[in-house]
């Protein structure tokens, strides 16, 4: 699958405007870098069919997108985690009636360098690696070398989801954090490149970013495949979302409808994720 390398939170302003037509209001999307490419592709295809539409797609992480939605600066927040109770409470307090749209499903993919022949880790061991309890590859049968642990930064929904599911083993009462030596990266692509170039690195990315330049680990002997994410047998599968106005109108409403249509869901699949429908 062709990949678009998106650095940081660069603004992708996508405009299609027919001559002599009244210009539509700009529809803004912001948030999860995991589904940034997918949302961009949906927007591009939508504008091919709606020549007067204008859509701006920006990354920055799930937390950034949801915050922008609560500040009324965007129409749609893209997220790779579900909205937090405190965020939902704030939305209600300021009169924003949100609807959660499941755009598709993602299998968070744990990756290692091609020179690392490790094939599988169980969830408990994986949690110890990312919490800093296991710091040397020789503890899990590999070389005597420090494990270089890579994580997304704290604005990322994937960061939050992985911490809760793996570092804290799904225990809501746990206060475990990523290990002190963890290196925090700004994007899926940054983690991919670092793992590709460092034989002792381990990190995680959205399955839509996976490519042959790195190895994908099985978790509990279950591979992060399309089939295993679709049937929910893969242990780190999760929904990816758009948070939108329940009373949306105009191009915002049409874009959401398009994203959930067979054509929109085909784009979700093409970008490497499992369609919601």
Protein backbone atom coordinates (compact mmCIF):
# COMPACT_ATOMS: atom_id res chain seq x y z
CA UNK A 1 0.00 0.00 0.00
CA UNK A 2 1.26 3.39 -0.97
CA UNK A 3 2.16 5.42 2.11
CA UNK A 4 1.98 9.15 2.55
CA UNK A 5 4.69 10.41 4.89
CA UNK A 6 3.13 13.06 7.08
CA UNK A 7 5.44 14.98 9.39
CA UNK A 8 4.30 16.49 12.66
CA UNK A 9 1.00 18.30 12.45
CA UNK A 10 1.39 19.75 8.97
CA UNK A 11 -1.90 21.15 7.72
CA UNK A 12 -3.37 19.37 4.75
CA UNK A 13 -5.72 21.85 3.17
CA UNK A 14 -7.71 20.12 0.52
CA UNK A 15 -9.84 22.37 -1.63
CA UNK A 16 -12.11 21.61 -4.55
CA UNK A 17 -14.29 24.44 -5.77
CA UNK A 18 -16.28 24.51 -9.00
CA UNK A 19 -16.28 27.70 -11.06
CA UNK A 20 -19.33 29.88 -10.64
CA UNK A 21 -20.63 27.93 -7.60
CA UNK A 22 -21.25 29.29 -4.13
CA UNK A 23 -18.34 28.31 -1.93
CA UNK A 24 -19.14 25.97 0.94
CA UNK A 25 -17.99 26.55 4.48
CA UNK A 26 -14.70 24.90 5.40
CA UNK A 27 -15.09 21.57 7.21
CA UNK A 28 -12.20 20.99 9.61
CA UNK A 29 -10.94 17.64 10.89
CA UNK A 30 -8.18 17.33 13.48
CA UNK A 31 -6.71 14.65 15.71
CA UNK A 32 -5.37 11.13 15.51
CA UNK A 33 -2.26 10.62 13.39
CA UNK A 34 -3.19 6.93 13.17
CA UNK A 35 -6.17 7.69 10.94
CA UNK A 36 -4.84 10.91 9.44
CA UNK A 37 -4.00 9.31 6.09
CA UNK A 38 -7.33 7.49 6.00
CA UNK A 39 -9.31 10.64 6.79
CA UNK A 40 -7.34 12.57 4.17
CA UNK A 41 -8.10 9.93 1.54
CA UNK A 42 -11.81 9.98 2.43
CA UNK A 43 -11.82 13.78 2.17
CA UNK A 44 -10.07 13.72 -1.21
CA UNK A 45 -12.53 11.23 -2.67
CA UNK A 46 -15.49 13.11 -1.20
CA UNK A 47 -14.35 16.34 -2.84
CA UNK A 48 -14.05 14.65 -6.21
CA UNK A 49 -17.77 14.00 -5.98
CA UNK A 50 -18.61 17.35 -4.36
CA UNK A 51 -16.73 19.95 -6.37
CA UNK A 52 -17.61 22.91 -4.15
CA UNK A 53 -16.58 21.24 -0.88
CA UNK A 54 -13.62 22.41 1.19
CA UNK A 55 -12.05 20.19 3.84
CA UNK A 56 -8.98 20.76 6.05
CA UNK A 57 -7.39 17.70 7.69
CA UNK A 58 -4.83 18.17 10.48
CA UNK A 59 -3.03 15.71 12.78
CA UNK A 60 -1.58 16.30 16.23
CA UNK A 61 -3.01 13.37 18.18
CA UNK A 62 -6.38 12.28 19.52
CA UNK A 63 -6.20 14.49 22.60
CA UNK A 64 -5.44 17.53 20.46
CA UNK A 65 -8.36 16.78 18.16
CA UNK A 66 -10.87 16.27 20.95
CA UNK A 67 -9.66 19.45 22.67
CA UNK A 68 -10.14 21.36 19.42
CA UNK A 69 -13.66 19.97 19.11
CA UNK A 70 -14.47 21.07 22.66
CA UNK A 71 -13.11 24.52 21.81
CA UNK A 72 -15.38 24.69 18.75
CA UNK A 73 -12.43 25.16 16.37
CA UNK A 74 -13.03 21.98 14.33
CA UNK A 75 -16.05 20.10 13.02
CA UNK A 76 -14.74 16.57 13.45
CA UNK A 77 -12.27 15.15 15.98
CA UNK A 78 -10.36 12.10 14.77
CA UNK A 79 -9.45 9.73 17.61
CA UNK A 80 -7.79 6.38 18.13
CA UNK A 81 -9.17 6.14 21.66
CA UNK A 82 -12.65 6.63 23.08
CA UNK A 83 -13.50 9.98 24.59
CA UNK A 84 -12.72 10.33 28.30
CA UNK A 85 -15.43 10.92 30.89
CA UNK A 86 -14.04 14.36 31.76
CA UNK A 87 -14.04 15.33 28.06
CA UNK A 88 -17.60 14.12 27.60
CA UNK A 89 -18.66 16.00 30.73
CA UNK A 90 -17.12 19.21 29.40
CA UNK A 91 -18.91 18.75 26.08
CA UNK A 92 -22.25 18.48 27.86
CA UNK A 93 -21.46 21.48 30.06
CA UNK A 94 -20.82 23.74 27.06
CA UNK A 95 -23.74 22.41 25.06
CA UNK A 96 -21.93 20.27 22.48
CA UNK A 97 -24.00 17.20 21.63
CA UNK A 98 -21.41 14.71 20.40
CA UNK A 99 -21.95 11.53 18.41
CA UNK A 100 -19.29 8.83 18.32
CA UNK A 101 -18.76 7.41 14.83
CA UNK A 102 -16.77 4.17 14.57
CA UNK A 103 -14.81 4.66 11.36
CA UNK A 104 -13.07 1.27 11.47
CA UNK A 105 -10.92 -1.09 13.52
CA UNK A 106 -7.17 -1.06 14.10
CA UNK A 107 -4.78 -3.68 15.40
CA UNK A 108 -1.94 -1.93 17.22
CA UNK A 109 1.12 -3.61 15.72
CA UNK A 110 4.25 -4.20 17.82
CA UNK A 111 7.30 -3.95 15.57
CA UNK A 112 10.99 -4.87 15.73
CA UNK A 113 13.99 -4.57 13.43
CA UNK A 114 14.52 -7.20 10.72
CA UNK A 115 17.74 -8.33 12.44
CA UNK A 116 15.72 -9.23 15.52
CA UNK A 117 14.28 -12.72 14.99
CA UNK A 118 11.78 -12.49 17.85
CA UNK A 119 8.38 -13.64 16.61
CA UNK A 120 6.03 -13.44 19.59
CA UNK A 121 5.57 -11.93 23.05
CA UNK A 122 2.79 -12.58 25.52
CA UNK A 123 0.89 -9.57 26.85
CA UNK A 124 2.44 -9.81 30.32
CA UNK A 125 6.02 -9.79 29.02
CA UNK A 126 5.21 -7.03 26.54
CA UNK A 127 3.86 -4.97 29.43
CA UNK A 128 7.08 -5.47 31.39
CA UNK A 129 9.16 -4.34 28.41
CA UNK A 130 7.19 -1.12 27.99
CA UNK A 131 6.99 -0.41 31.74
CA UNK A 132 10.78 -0.74 32.07
CA UNK A 133 10.71 -3.92 34.20
CA UNK A 134 12.56 -5.77 31.44
CA UNK A 135 15.36 -3.67 29.97
CA UNK A 136 17.67 -6.15 28.23
CA UNK A 137 16.92 -8.33 25.22
CA UNK A 138 18.71 -11.28 26.88
CA UNK A 139 15.80 -11.54 29.35
CA UNK A 140 13.59 -12.63 26.46
CA UNK A 141 16.04 -14.84 24.63
CA UNK A 142 17.76 -12.35 22.34
CA UNK A 143 21.12 -10.50 22.34
CA UNK A 144 22.73 -9.01 25.43
CA UNK A 145 21.75 -5.44 24.61
CA UNK A 146 19.57 -2.68 26.01
CA UNK A 147 16.00 -2.64 24.71
CA UNK A 148 15.26 0.70 23.03
CA UNK A 149 11.58 1.25 23.79
CA UNK A 150 9.63 3.60 21.54
CA UNK A 151 6.16 4.98 22.27
CA UNK A 152 3.90 7.60 20.81
CA UNK A 153 3.79 10.86 22.76
CA UNK A 154 1.13 11.59 25.37
CA UNK A 155 -1.19 13.49 22.99
CA UNK A 156 -1.67 10.27 21.04
CA UNK A 157 -4.73 8.09 21.55
CA UNK A 158 -2.57 5.07 20.73
CA UNK A 159 -0.23 6.04 23.60
CA UNK A 160 -3.19 6.02 26.01
CA UNK A 161 -4.75 2.84 24.68
CA UNK A 162 -1.49 0.87 24.69
CA UNK A 163 -0.68 2.04 28.22
CA UNK A 164 -4.06 0.94 29.55
CA UNK A 165 -4.22 -2.35 27.63
CA UNK A 166 -0.58 -3.47 27.87
CA UNK A 167 1.44 -1.51 30.46
CA UNK A 168 -1.45 -1.62 32.97
CA UNK A 169 -2.81 -4.98 31.72
CA UNK A 170 -6.32 -3.55 31.48
CA UNK A 171 -6.42 -2.85 35.23
CA UNK A 172 -8.25 0.46 35.67
CA UNK A 173 -6.85 0.83 39.20
CA UNK A 174 -3.23 0.52 38.05
CA UNK A 175 -1.03 3.61 37.96
CA UNK A 176 1.82 2.01 36.01
CA UNK A 177 3.51 4.21 33.44
CA UNK A 178 5.88 3.69 30.55
CA UNK A 179 9.47 3.05 31.64
CA UNK A 180 11.81 5.96 32.37
CA UNK A 181 14.02 5.16 29.37
CA UNK A 182 11.11 5.20 26.90
CA UNK A 183 11.64 7.43 23.86
CA UNK A 184 8.49 9.29 22.85
CA UNK A 185 7.97 9.79 19.12
CA UNK A 186 5.69 12.27 17.31
CA UNK A 187 4.12 9.88 14.80
CA UNK A 188 3.65 6.30 13.61
CA UNK A 189 6.06 7.04 10.77
CA UNK A 190 8.76 8.22 13.19
CA UNK A 191 8.52 4.97 15.17
CA UNK A 192 8.60 2.94 11.97
CA UNK A 193 11.76 4.66 10.75
CA UNK A 194 13.56 4.35 14.09
CA UNK A 195 12.78 0.63 14.37
CA UNK A 196 13.86 0.12 10.76
CA UNK A 197 17.26 1.67 11.53
CA UNK A 198 17.88 0.32 15.05
CA UNK A 199 18.22 -3.44 15.57
CA UNK A 200 17.54 -3.13 19.30
CA UNK A 201 14.40 -1.00 19.09
CA UNK A 202 10.81 -2.04 19.73
CA UNK A 203 7.73 0.11 19.20
CA UNK A 204 4.10 0.05 18.14
CA UNK A 205 2.17 1.54 15.22
CA UNK A 206 -1.31 1.46 13.73
CA UNK A 207 -1.72 -1.50 11.38
CA UNK A 208 -2.34 0.84 8.47
CA UNK A 209 1.31 1.96 8.71
CA UNK A 210 2.81 -1.53 8.67
CA UNK A 211 5.28 -2.26 5.88
CA UNK A 212 7.84 -4.94 5.00
CA UNK A 213 10.80 -2.89 6.24
CA UNK A 214 10.13 -4.07 9.84
CA UNK A 215 8.88 -7.20 11.60
CA UNK A 216 5.43 -7.45 13.17
CA UNK A 217 5.26 -9.46 16.41
CA UNK A 218 2.44 -11.77 17.30
CA UNK A 219 0.91 -11.13 20.73
CA UNK A 220 -0.13 -14.23 22.69
CA UNK A 221 0.68 -16.13 19.46
CA UNK A 222 -1.97 -14.21 17.51
CA UNK A 223 -0.77 -12.19 14.52
CA UNK A 224 -1.98 -8.61 13.88
CA UNK A 225 -3.71 -9.63 10.66
CA UNK A 226 -6.81 -8.23 8.99
CA UNK A 227 -8.72 -11.43 9.82
CA UNK A 228 -7.67 -11.49 13.48
CA UNK A 229 -8.57 -7.83 14.00
CA UNK A 230 -11.90 -8.31 12.22
CA UNK A 231 -12.89 -11.26 14.42
CA UNK A 232 -11.46 -9.48 17.50
CA UNK A 233 -9.14 -12.35 18.42
CA UNK A 234 -6.04 -10.13 18.23
CA UNK A 235 -5.37 -8.87 21.80
CA UNK A 236 -4.65 -5.22 20.92
CA UNK A 237 -7.52 -4.47 18.53
CA UNK A 238 -9.52 -1.28 19.00
CA UNK A 239 -11.97 1.04 17.31
CA UNK A 240 -10.93 4.28 15.62
CA UNK A 241 -13.37 7.17 15.74
CA UNK A 242 -14.70 10.40 14.40
CA UNK A 243 -16.41 12.58 17.03
CA UNK A 244 -19.00 14.75 15.32
CA UNK A 245 -22.01 16.94 16.09
CA UNK A 246 -25.15 14.88 16.54
CA UNK A 247 -27.07 17.67 14.76
CA UNK A 248 -24.53 18.08 11.95
CA UNK A 249 -25.57 19.71 8.70
CA UNK A 250 -24.26 20.52 5.24
CA UNK A 251 -20.94 19.13 4.03
CA UNK A 252 -20.07 17.92 7.53
CA UNK A 253 -23.13 15.65 7.53
CA UNK A 254 -22.50 14.56 3.93
CA UNK A 255 -18.85 13.73 4.70
CA UNK A 256 -19.82 11.50 7.63
CA UNK A 257 -22.41 9.75 5.48
CA UNK A 258 -19.81 9.23 2.75
CA UNK A 259 -17.23 7.85 5.21
CA UNK A 260 -19.69 5.18 6.34
CA UNK A 261 -20.87 4.35 2.82
CA UNK A 262 -19.48 1.34 0.92
CA UNK A 263 -17.17 3.67 -1.01
CA UNK A 264 -15.87 5.34 2.17
CA UNK A 265 -15.40 2.03 3.95
CA UNK A 266 -13.49 0.68 0.95
CA UNK A 267 -11.01 3.53 1.52
CA UNK A 268 -10.69 2.52 5.18
CA UNK A 269 -9.82 -1.01 4.04
CA UNK A 270 -7.42 0.22 1.35
CA UNK A 271 -5.53 2.23 3.97
CA UNK A 272 -4.92 -0.96 5.96
CA UNK A 273 -7.69 -0.89 8.55
CA UNK A 274 -10.72 -3.11 9.07
CA UNK A 275 -13.94 -1.39 7.92
CA UNK A 276 -16.63 -0.71 10.50
CA UNK A 277 -19.29 -1.79 8.01
